[in-house]
Amino acid sequence: MPAHIHLRINRRPEILGRFGISNTCLHRRIKAGLMPPPIPLSERSVGWLEHEVDAVLAAMVAGRRDDFIKALVGRLVDQRKNATAGR
């Protein structure tokens, strides 16, 4: 993850509202690799990194196909892993 990214967390209601989808649809998109998985915030809560959500939403608005979005989500998840690898 680039150092210049300001990290902001979006909770589930915000994600559902931004995408205009149901909770079931959100879970289907995560399972299909079309949405980054959430990160744990505590024992019982999760959230999504806003810059990841923004990237997926921008790809959808641009009319990108599912294979492009899956690759994008894969890169975003890899960036998470790489960002924590050096710590």
PDB file of N, CA and C in Angstrom:
ATOM      1  N   MET A   1       0.852  -1.170   0.000  1.00  0.00           N
ATOM      2  CA  MET A   1       0.000   0.000   0.000  1.00  0.00           C
ATOM      3  C   MET A   1       0.896   1.230   0.000  1.00  0.00           C
ATOM      4  N   PRO A   2       0.687   2.131  -0.929  1.00  0.00           N
ATOM      5  CA  PRO A   2       1.512   3.337  -0.966  1.00  0.00           C
ATOM      6  C   PRO A   2       1.391   4.139   0.317  1.00  0.00           C
ATOM      7  N   ALA A   3       2.498   4.736   0.737  1.00  0.00           N
ATOM      8  CA  ALA A   3       2.532   5.467   2.002  1.00  0.00           C
ATOM      9  C   ALA A   3       1.649   6.708   1.993  1.00  0.00           C
ATOM     10  N   HIS A   4       1.347   7.251   0.820  1.00  0.00           N
ATOM     11  CA  HIS A   4       0.578   8.489   0.739  1.00  0.00           C
ATOM     12  C   HIS A   4      -0.932   8.289   0.906  1.00  0.00           C
ATOM     13  N   ILE A   5      -1.389   7.065   1.017  1.00  0.00           N
ATOM     14  CA  ILE A   5      -2.829   6.805   1.159  1.00  0.00           C
ATOM     15  C   ILE A   5      -3.264   7.088   2.590  1.00  0.00           C
ATOM     16  N   HIS A   6      -4.285   7.913   2.708  1.00  0.00           N
ATOM     17  CA  HIS A   6      -4.885   8.183   4.010  1.00  0.00           C
ATOM     18  C   HIS A   6      -5.871   7.053   4.286  1.00  0.00           C
ATOM     19  N   LEU A   7      -5.637   6.297   5.338  1.00  0.00           N
ATOM     20  CA  LEU A   7      -6.491   5.158   5.634  1.00  0.00           C
ATOM     21  C   LEU A   7      -7.765   5.605   6.343  1.00  0.00           C
ATOM     22  N   ARG A   8      -8.873   5.184   5.788  1.00  0.00           N
ATOM     23  CA  ARG A   8     -10.182   5.457   6.383  1.00  0.00           C
ATOM     24  C   ARG A   8     -10.990   4.176   6.271  1.00  0.00           C
ATOM     25  N   ILE A   9     -11.712   3.865   7.301  1.00  0.00           N
ATOM     26  CA  ILE A   9     -12.514   2.647   7.355  1.00  0.00           C
ATOM     27  C   ILE A   9     -13.974   2.976   7.069  1.00  0.00           C
ATOM     28  N   ASN A  10     -14.598   2.162   6.227  1.00  0.00           N
ATOM     29  CA  ASN A  10     -16.039   2.255   5.981  1.00  0.00           C
ATOM     30  C   ASN A  10     -16.702   1.033   6.595  1.00  0.00           C
ATOM     31  N   ARG A  11     -17.783   1.252   7.310  1.00  0.00           N
ATOM     32  CA  ARG A  11     -18.530   0.148   7.915  1.00  0.00           C
ATOM     33  C   ARG A  11     -19.587  -0.351   6.939  1.00  0.00           C
ATOM     34  N   ARG A  12     -20.154  -1.483   7.261  1.00  0.00           N
ATOM     35  CA  ARG A  12     -21.099  -2.166   6.365  1.00  0.00           C
ATOM     36  C   ARG A  12     -22.244  -1.280   5.865  1.00  0.00           C
ATOM     37  N   PRO A  13     -22.950  -0.540   6.720  1.00  0.00           N
ATOM     38  CA  PRO A  13     -24.056   0.279   6.194  1.00  0.00           C
ATOM     39  C   PRO A  13     -23.598   1.278   5.125  1.00  0.00           C
ATOM     40  N   GLU A  14     -22.423   1.845   5.315  1.00  0.00           N
ATOM     41  CA  GLU A  14     -21.897   2.797   4.337  1.00  0.00           C
ATOM     42  C   GLU A  14     -21.593   2.095   3.012  1.00  0.00           C
ATOM     43  N   ILE A  15     -21.016   0.908   3.077  1.00  0.00           N
ATOM     44  CA  ILE A  15     -20.702   0.133   1.868  1.00  0.00           C
ATOM     45  C   ILE A  15     -21.984  -0.216   1.120  1.00  0.00           C
ATOM     46  N   LEU A  16     -22.967  -0.708   1.844  1.00  0.00           N
ATOM     47  CA  LEU A  16     -24.235  -1.084   1.211  1.00  0.00           C
ATOM     48  C   LEU A  16     -24.882   0.123   0.545  1.00  0.00           C
ATOM     49  N   GLY A  17     -24.829   1.269   1.203  1.00  0.00           N
ATOM     50  CA  GLY A  17     -25.401   2.485   0.633  1.00  0.00           C
ATOM     51  C   GLY A  17     -24.654   2.992  -0.583  1.00  0.00           C
ATOM     52  N   ARG A  18     -23.335   2.956  -0.520  1.00  0.00           N
ATOM     53  CA  ARG A  18     -22.538   3.452  -1.652  1.00  0.00           C
ATOM     54  C   ARG A  18     -22.751   2.609  -2.897  1.00  0.00           C
ATOM     55  N   PHE A  19     -22.861   1.292  -2.718  1.00  0.00           N
ATOM     56  CA  PHE A  19     -23.019   0.405  -3.865  1.00  0.00           C
ATOM     57  C   PHE A  19     -24.490   0.170  -4.218  1.00  0.00           C
ATOM     58  N   GLY A  20     -25.389   0.513  -3.298  1.00  0.00           N
ATOM     59  CA  GLY A  20     -26.805   0.296  -3.548  1.00  0.00           C
ATOM     60  C   GLY A  20     -27.162  -1.182  -3.636  1.00  0.00           C
ATOM     61  N   ILE A  21     -26.528  -1.978  -2.779  1.00  0.00           N
ATOM     62  CA  ILE A  21     -26.749  -3.421  -2.805  1.00  0.00           C
ATOM     63  C   ILE A  21     -27.197  -3.918  -1.439  1.00  0.00           C
ATOM     64  N   SER A  22     -27.660  -5.154  -1.407  1.00  0.00           N
ATOM     65  CA  SER A  22     -28.073  -5.781  -0.152  1.00  0.00           C
ATOM     66  C   SER A  22     -26.869  -6.450   0.509  1.00  0.00           C
ATOM     67  N   ASN A  23     -27.036  -6.810   1.754  1.00  0.00           N
ATOM     68  CA  ASN A  23     -25.999  -7.525   2.490  1.00  0.00           C
ATOM     69  C   ASN A  23     -25.667  -8.851   1.801  1.00  0.00           C
ATOM     70  N   THR A  24     -26.690  -9.539   1.304  1.00  0.00           N
ATOM     71  CA  THR A  24     -26.479 -10.807   0.594  1.00  0.00           C
ATOM     72  C   THR A  24     -25.645 -10.591  -0.656  1.00  0.00           C
ATOM     73  N   CYS A  25     -25.950  -9.563  -1.405  1.00  0.00           N
ATOM     74  CA  CYS A  25     -25.191  -9.250  -2.620  1.00  0.00           C
ATOM     75  C   CYS A  25     -23.745  -8.911  -2.274  1.00  0.00           C
ATOM     76  N   LEU A  26     -23.528  -8.177  -1.198  1.00  0.00           N
ATOM     77  CA  LEU A  26     -22.176  -7.844  -0.770  1.00  0.00           C
ATOM     78  C   LEU A  26     -21.380  -9.118  -0.513  1.00  0.00           C
ATOM     79  N   HIS A  27     -21.971 -10.059   0.202  1.00  0.00           N
ATOM     80  CA  HIS A  27     -21.271 -11.305   0.504  1.00  0.00           C
ATOM     81  C   HIS A  27     -21.006 -12.121  -0.757  1.00  0.00           C
ATOM     82  N   ARG A  28     -21.931 -12.102  -1.678  1.00  0.00           N
ATOM     83  CA  ARG A  28     -21.708 -12.798  -2.957  1.00  0.00           C
ATOM     84  C   ARG A  28     -20.542 -12.171  -3.716  1.00  0.00           C
ATOM     85  N   ARG A  29     -20.484 -10.845  -3.729  1.00  0.00           N
ATOM     86  CA  ARG A  29     -19.397 -10.153  -4.428  1.00  0.00           C
ATOM     87  C   ARG A  29     -18.041 -10.453  -3.776  1.00  0.00           C
ATOM     88  N   ILE A  30     -18.005 -10.514  -2.458  1.00  0.00           N
ATOM     89  CA  ILE A  30     -16.756 -10.854  -1.764  1.00  0.00           C
ATOM     90  C   ILE A  30     -16.343 -12.279  -2.127  1.00  0.00           C
ATOM     91  N   LYS A  31     -17.283 -13.199  -2.052  1.00  0.00           N
ATOM     92  CA  LYS A  31     -16.994 -14.608  -2.362  1.00  0.00           C
ATOM     93  C   LYS A  31     -16.532 -14.782  -3.807  1.00  0.00           C
ATOM     94  N   ALA A  32     -17.078 -13.993  -4.717  1.00  0.00           N
ATOM     95  CA  ALA A  32     -16.718 -14.075  -6.135  1.00  0.00           C
ATOM     96  C   ALA A  32     -15.422 -13.335  -6.449  1.00  0.00           C
ATOM     97  N   GLY A  33     -14.858 -12.635  -5.461  1.00  0.00           N
ATOM     98  CA  GLY A  33     -13.623 -11.884  -5.689  1.00  0.00           C
ATOM     99  C   GLY A  33     -13.853 -10.540  -6.347  1.00  0.00           C
ATOM    100  N   LEU A  34     -15.089 -10.052  -6.314  1.00  0.00           N
ATOM    101  CA  LEU A  34     -15.438  -8.781  -6.937  1.00  0.00           C
ATOM    102  C   LEU A  34     -15.463  -7.619  -5.944  1.00  0.00           C
ATOM    103  N   MET A  35     -15.135  -7.929  -4.692  1.00  0.00           N
ATOM    104  CA  MET A  35     -15.107  -6.925  -3.631  1.00  0.00           C
ATOM    105  C   MET A  35     -14.053  -7.370  -2.635  1.00  0.00           C
ATOM    106  N   PRO A  36     -13.204  -6.465  -2.174  1.00  0.00           N
ATOM    107  CA  PRO A  36     -12.202  -6.872  -1.179  1.00  0.00           C
ATOM    108  C   PRO A  36     -12.902  -7.357   0.090  1.00  0.00           C
ATOM    109  N   PRO A  37     -12.322  -8.337   0.753  1.00  0.00           N
ATOM    110  CA  PRO A  37     -12.908  -8.762   2.023  1.00  0.00           C
ATOM    111  C   PRO A  37     -12.695  -7.679   3.076  1.00  0.00           C
ATOM    112  N   PRO A  38     -13.540  -7.669   4.088  1.00  0.00           N
ATOM    113  CA  PRO A  38     -13.378  -6.674   5.145  1.00  0.00           C
ATOM    114  C   PRO A  38     -12.173  -7.014   6.016  1.00  0.00           C
ATOM    115  N   ILE A  39     -11.756  -6.036   6.785  1.00  0.00           N
ATOM    116  CA  ILE A  39     -10.701  -6.265   7.771  1.00  0.00           C
ATOM    117  C   ILE A  39     -11.352  -6.281   9.151  1.00  0.00           C
ATOM    118  N   PRO A  40     -10.839  -7.111  10.047  1.00  0.00           N
ATOM    119  CA  PRO A  40     -11.412  -7.134  11.403  1.00  0.00           C
ATOM    120  C   PRO A  40     -11.039  -5.871  12.163  1.00  0.00           C
ATOM    121  N   LEU A  41     -12.018  -5.304  12.839  1.00  0.00           N
ATOM    122  CA  LEU A  41     -11.796  -4.110  13.667  1.00  0.00           C
ATOM    123  C   LEU A  41     -11.803  -4.462  15.144  1.00  0.00           C
ATOM    124  N   SER A  42     -12.584  -5.447  15.469  1.00  0.00           N
ATOM    125  CA  SER A  42     -12.643  -5.965  16.834  1.00  0.00           C
ATOM    126  C   SER A  42     -13.180  -7.388  16.732  1.00  0.00           C
ATOM    127  N   GLU A  43     -13.483  -7.945  17.853  1.00  0.00           N
ATOM    128  CA  GLU A  43     -13.975  -9.329  17.862  1.00  0.00           C
ATOM    129  C   GLU A  43     -15.273  -9.488  17.070  1.00  0.00           C
ATOM    130  N   ARG A  44     -16.093  -8.435  17.050  1.00  0.00           N
ATOM    131  CA  ARG A  44     -17.398  -8.564  16.408  1.00  0.00           C
ATOM    132  C   ARG A  44     -17.689  -7.517  15.346  1.00  0.00           C
ATOM    133  N   SER A  45     -16.679  -6.802  14.897  1.00  0.00           N
ATOM    134  CA  SER A  45     -16.945  -5.799  13.867  1.00  0.00           C
ATOM    135  C   SER A  45     -15.857  -5.825  12.796  1.00  0.00           C
ATOM    136  N   VAL A  46     -16.292  -5.449  11.598  1.00  0.00           N
ATOM    137  CA  VAL A  46     -15.383  -5.404  10.449  1.00  0.00           C
ATOM    138  C   VAL A  46     -15.597  -4.088   9.709  1.00  0.00           C
ATOM    139  N   GLY A  47     -14.659  -3.775   8.832  1.00  0.00           N
ATOM    140  CA  GLY A  47     -14.777  -2.588   8.001  1.00  0.00           C
ATOM    141  C   GLY A  47     -13.972  -2.779   6.728  1.00  0.00           C
ATOM    142  N   TRP A  48     -14.176  -1.876   5.797  1.00  0.00           N
ATOM    143  CA  TRP A  48     -13.488  -1.920   4.516  1.00  0.00           C
ATOM    144  C   TRP A  48     -12.616  -0.683   4.384  1.00  0.00           C
ATOM    145  N   LEU A  49     -11.450  -0.853   3.784  1.00  0.00           N
ATOM    146  CA  LEU A  49     -10.571   0.282   3.527  1.00  0.00           C
ATOM    147  C   LEU A  49     -11.179   1.117   2.406  1.00  0.00           C
ATOM    148  N   GLU A  50     -11.390   2.386   2.680  1.00  0.00           N
ATOM    149  CA  GLU A  50     -12.090   3.251   1.738  1.00  0.00           C
ATOM    150  C   GLU A  50     -11.402   3.326   0.376  1.00  0.00           C
ATOM    151  N   HIS A  51     -10.083   3.390   0.341  1.00  0.00           N
ATOM    152  CA  HIS A  51      -9.406   3.495  -0.955  1.00  0.00           C
ATOM    153  C   HIS A  51      -9.614   2.238  -1.799  1.00  0.00           C
ATOM    154  N   GLU A  52      -9.766   1.078  -1.159  1.00  0.00           N
ATOM    155  CA  GLU A  52     -10.056  -0.153  -1.907  1.00  0.00           C
ATOM    156  C   GLU A  52     -11.470  -0.110  -2.477  1.00  0.00           C
ATOM    157  N   VAL A  53     -12.407   0.312  -1.648  1.00  0.00           N
ATOM    158  CA  VAL A  53     -13.794   0.430  -2.090  1.00  0.00           C
ATOM    159  C   VAL A  53     -13.901   1.443  -3.224  1.00  0.00           C
ATOM    160  N   ASP A  54     -13.210   2.569  -3.101  1.00  0.00           N
ATOM    161  CA  ASP A  54     -13.213   3.592  -4.149  1.00  0.00           C
ATOM    162  C   ASP A  54     -12.690   3.029  -5.470  1.00  0.00           C
ATOM    163  N   ALA A  55     -11.633   2.229  -5.403  1.00  0.00           N
ATOM    164  CA  ALA A  55     -11.048   1.659  -6.615  1.00  0.00           C
ATOM    165  C   ALA A  55     -12.022   0.707  -7.305  1.00  0.00           C
ATOM    166  N   VAL A  56     -12.702  -0.119  -6.529  1.00  0.00           N
ATOM    167  CA  VAL A  56     -13.671  -1.058  -7.108  1.00  0.00           C
ATOM    168  C   VAL A  56     -14.850  -0.294  -7.705  1.00  0.00           C
ATOM    169  N   LEU A  57     -15.349   0.684  -6.982  1.00  0.00           N
ATOM    170  CA  LEU A  57     -16.474   1.467  -7.471  1.00  0.00           C
ATOM    171  C   LEU A  57     -16.109   2.213  -8.757  1.00  0.00           C
ATOM    172  N   ALA A  58     -14.907   2.764  -8.807  1.00  0.00           N
ATOM    173  CA  ALA A  58     -14.456   3.466 -10.016  1.00  0.00           C
ATOM    174  C   ALA A  58     -14.380   2.509 -11.206  1.00  0.00           C
ATOM    175  N   ALA A  59     -13.919   1.296 -10.969  1.00  0.00           N
ATOM    176  CA  ALA A  59     -13.844   0.301 -12.045  1.00  0.00           C
ATOM    177  C   ALA A  59     -15.242  -0.061 -12.537  1.00  0.00           C
ATOM    178  N   MET A  60     -16.195  -0.174 -11.620  1.00  0.00           N
ATOM    179  CA  MET A  60     -17.568  -0.476 -12.013  1.00  0.00           C
ATOM    180  C   MET A  60     -18.157   0.663 -12.836  1.00  0.00           C
ATOM    181  N   VAL A  61     -17.943   1.889 -12.394  1.00  0.00           N
ATOM    182  CA  VAL A  61     -18.464   3.065 -13.098  1.00  0.00           C
ATOM    183  C   VAL A  61     -17.864   3.153 -14.499  1.00  0.00           C
ATOM    184  N   ALA A  62     -16.596   2.764 -14.619  1.00  0.00           N
ATOM    185  CA  ALA A  62     -15.911   2.796 -15.916  1.00  0.00           C
ATOM    186  C   ALA A  62     -16.350   1.654 -16.826  1.00  0.00           C
ATOM    187  N   GLY A  63     -17.226   0.788 -16.332  1.00  0.00           N
ATOM    188  CA  GLY A  63     -17.732  -0.306 -17.151  1.00  0.00           C
ATOM    189  C   GLY A  63     -16.776  -1.471 -17.287  1.00  0.00           C
ATOM    190  N   ARG A  64     -15.833  -1.579 -16.347  1.00  0.00           N
ATOM    191  CA  ARG A  64     -14.878  -2.685 -16.397  1.00  0.00           C
ATOM    192  C   ARG A  64     -15.579  -4.017 -16.177  1.00  0.00           C
ATOM    193  N   ARG A  65     -15.071  -5.030 -16.836  1.00  0.00           N
ATOM    194  CA  ARG A  65     -15.657  -6.367 -16.730  1.00  0.00           C
ATOM    195  C   ARG A  65     -15.210  -7.042 -15.442  1.00  0.00           C
ATOM    196  N   ASP A  66     -15.939  -8.107 -15.094  1.00  0.00           N
ATOM    197  CA  ASP A  66     -15.665  -8.809 -13.846  1.00  0.00           C
ATOM    198  C   ASP A  66     -14.229  -9.312 -13.753  1.00  0.00           C
ATOM    199  N   ASP A  67     -13.648  -9.774 -14.858  1.00  0.00           N
ATOM    200  CA  ASP A  67     -12.278 -10.287 -14.793  1.00  0.00           C
ATOM    201  C   ASP A  67     -11.291  -9.174 -14.417  1.00  0.00           C
ATOM    202  N   PHE A  68     -11.526  -7.971 -14.903  1.00  0.00           N
ATOM    203  CA  PHE A  68     -10.685  -6.827 -14.532  1.00  0.00           C
ATOM    204  C   PHE A  68     -10.843  -6.521 -13.043  1.00  0.00           C
ATOM    205  N   ILE A  69     -12.087  -6.508 -12.572  1.00  0.00           N
ATOM    206  CA  ILE A  69     -12.351  -6.177 -11.169  1.00  0.00           C
ATOM    207  C   ILE A  69     -11.762  -7.240 -10.249  1.00  0.00           C
ATOM    208  N   LYS A  70     -11.849  -8.516 -10.634  1.00  0.00           N
ATOM    209  CA  LYS A  70     -11.241  -9.584  -9.826  1.00  0.00           C
ATOM    210  C   LYS A  70      -9.734  -9.385  -9.716  1.00  0.00           C
ATOM    211  N   ALA A  71      -9.100  -9.047 -10.816  1.00  0.00           N
ATOM    212  CA  ALA A  71      -7.649  -8.799 -10.796  1.00  0.00           C
ATOM    213  C   ALA A  71      -7.327  -7.594  -9.920  1.00  0.00           C
ATOM    214  N   LEU A  72      -8.135  -6.558 -10.003  1.00  0.00           N
ATOM    215  CA  LEU A  72      -7.959  -5.367  -9.176  1.00  0.00           C
ATOM    216  C   LEU A  72      -8.069  -5.728  -7.697  1.00  0.00           C
ATOM    217  N   VAL A  73      -9.101  -6.463  -7.343  1.00  0.00           N
ATOM    218  CA  VAL A  73      -9.300  -6.869  -5.947  1.00  0.00           C
ATOM    219  C   VAL A  73      -8.101  -7.702  -5.482  1.00  0.00           C
ATOM    220  N   GLY A  74      -7.617  -8.585  -6.330  1.00  0.00           N
ATOM    221  CA  GLY A  74      -6.445  -9.383  -5.974  1.00  0.00           C
ATOM    222  C   GLY A  74      -5.230  -8.524  -5.679  1.00  0.00           C
ATOM    223  N   ARG A  75      -5.007  -7.500  -6.506  1.00  0.00           N
ATOM    224  CA  ARG A  75      -3.885  -6.588  -6.279  1.00  0.00           C
ATOM    225  C   ARG A  75      -4.060  -5.806  -4.977  1.00  0.00           C
ATOM    226  N   LEU A  76      -5.270  -5.375  -4.706  1.00  0.00           N
ATOM    227  CA  LEU A  76      -5.532  -4.622  -3.471  1.00  0.00           C
ATOM    228  C   LEU A  76      -5.258  -5.477  -2.231  1.00  0.00           C
ATOM    229  N   VAL A  77      -5.697  -6.718  -2.267  1.00  0.00           N
ATOM    230  CA  VAL A  77      -5.474  -7.624  -1.138  1.00  0.00           C
ATOM    231  C   VAL A  77      -3.979  -7.915  -0.991  1.00  0.00           C
ATOM    232  N   ASP A  78      -3.280  -8.085  -2.107  1.00  0.00           N
ATOM    233  CA  ASP A  78      -1.827  -8.291  -2.053  1.00  0.00           C
ATOM    234  C   ASP A  78      -1.125  -7.084  -1.449  1.00  0.00           C
ATOM    235  N   GLN A  79      -1.596  -5.873  -1.764  1.00  0.00           N
ATOM    236  CA  GLN A  79      -1.008  -4.659  -1.204  1.00  0.00           C
ATOM    237  C   GLN A  79      -1.142  -4.648   0.311  1.00  0.00           C
ATOM    238  N   ARG A  80      -2.260  -5.139   0.813  1.00  0.00           N
ATOM    239  CA  ARG A  80      -2.444  -5.233   2.268  1.00  0.00           C
ATOM    240  C   ARG A  80      -1.366  -6.114   2.868  1.00  0.00           C
ATOM    241  N   LYS A  81      -1.177  -7.272   2.272  1.00  0.00           N
ATOM    242  CA  LYS A  81      -0.194  -8.231   2.792  1.00  0.00           C
ATOM    243  C   LYS A  81       1.213  -7.647   2.740  1.00  0.00           C
ATOM    244  N   ASN A  82       1.544  -6.998   1.638  1.00  0.00           N
ATOM    245  CA  ASN A  82       2.873  -6.410   1.478  1.00  0.00           C
ATOM    246  C   ASN A  82       3.099  -5.257   2.455  1.00  0.00           C
ATOM    247  N   ALA A  83       2.055  -4.527   2.761  1.00  0.00           N
ATOM    248  CA  ALA A  83       2.176  -3.385   3.676  1.00  0.00           C
ATOM    249  C   ALA A  83       2.508  -3.840   5.091  1.00  0.00           C
ATOM    250  N   THR A  84       2.039  -5.014   5.462  1.00  0.00           N
ATOM    251  CA  THR A  84       2.288  -5.510   6.812  1.00  0.00           C
ATOM    252  C   THR A  84       3.498  -6.426   6.884  1.00  0.00           C
ATOM    253  N   ALA A  85       4.029  -6.847   5.751  1.00  0.00           N
ATOM    254  CA  ALA A  85       5.146  -7.793   5.726  1.00  0.00           C
ATOM    255  C   ALA A  85       6.410  -7.212   6.344  1.00  0.00           C
ATOM    256  N   GLY A  86       6.627  -5.923   6.169  1.00  0.00           N
ATOM    257  CA  GLY A  86       7.854  -5.296   6.677  1.00  0.00           C
ATOM    258  C   GLY A  86       7.774  -4.847   8.116  1.00  0.00           C
ATOM    259  N   ARG A  87       6.663  -5.080   8.753  1.00  0.00           N
ATOM    260  CA  ARG A  87       6.478  -4.582  10.129  1.00  0.00           C
ATOM    261  C   ARG A  87       6.727  -5.643  11.150  1.00  0.00           C
TER     262      ARG A  87
END
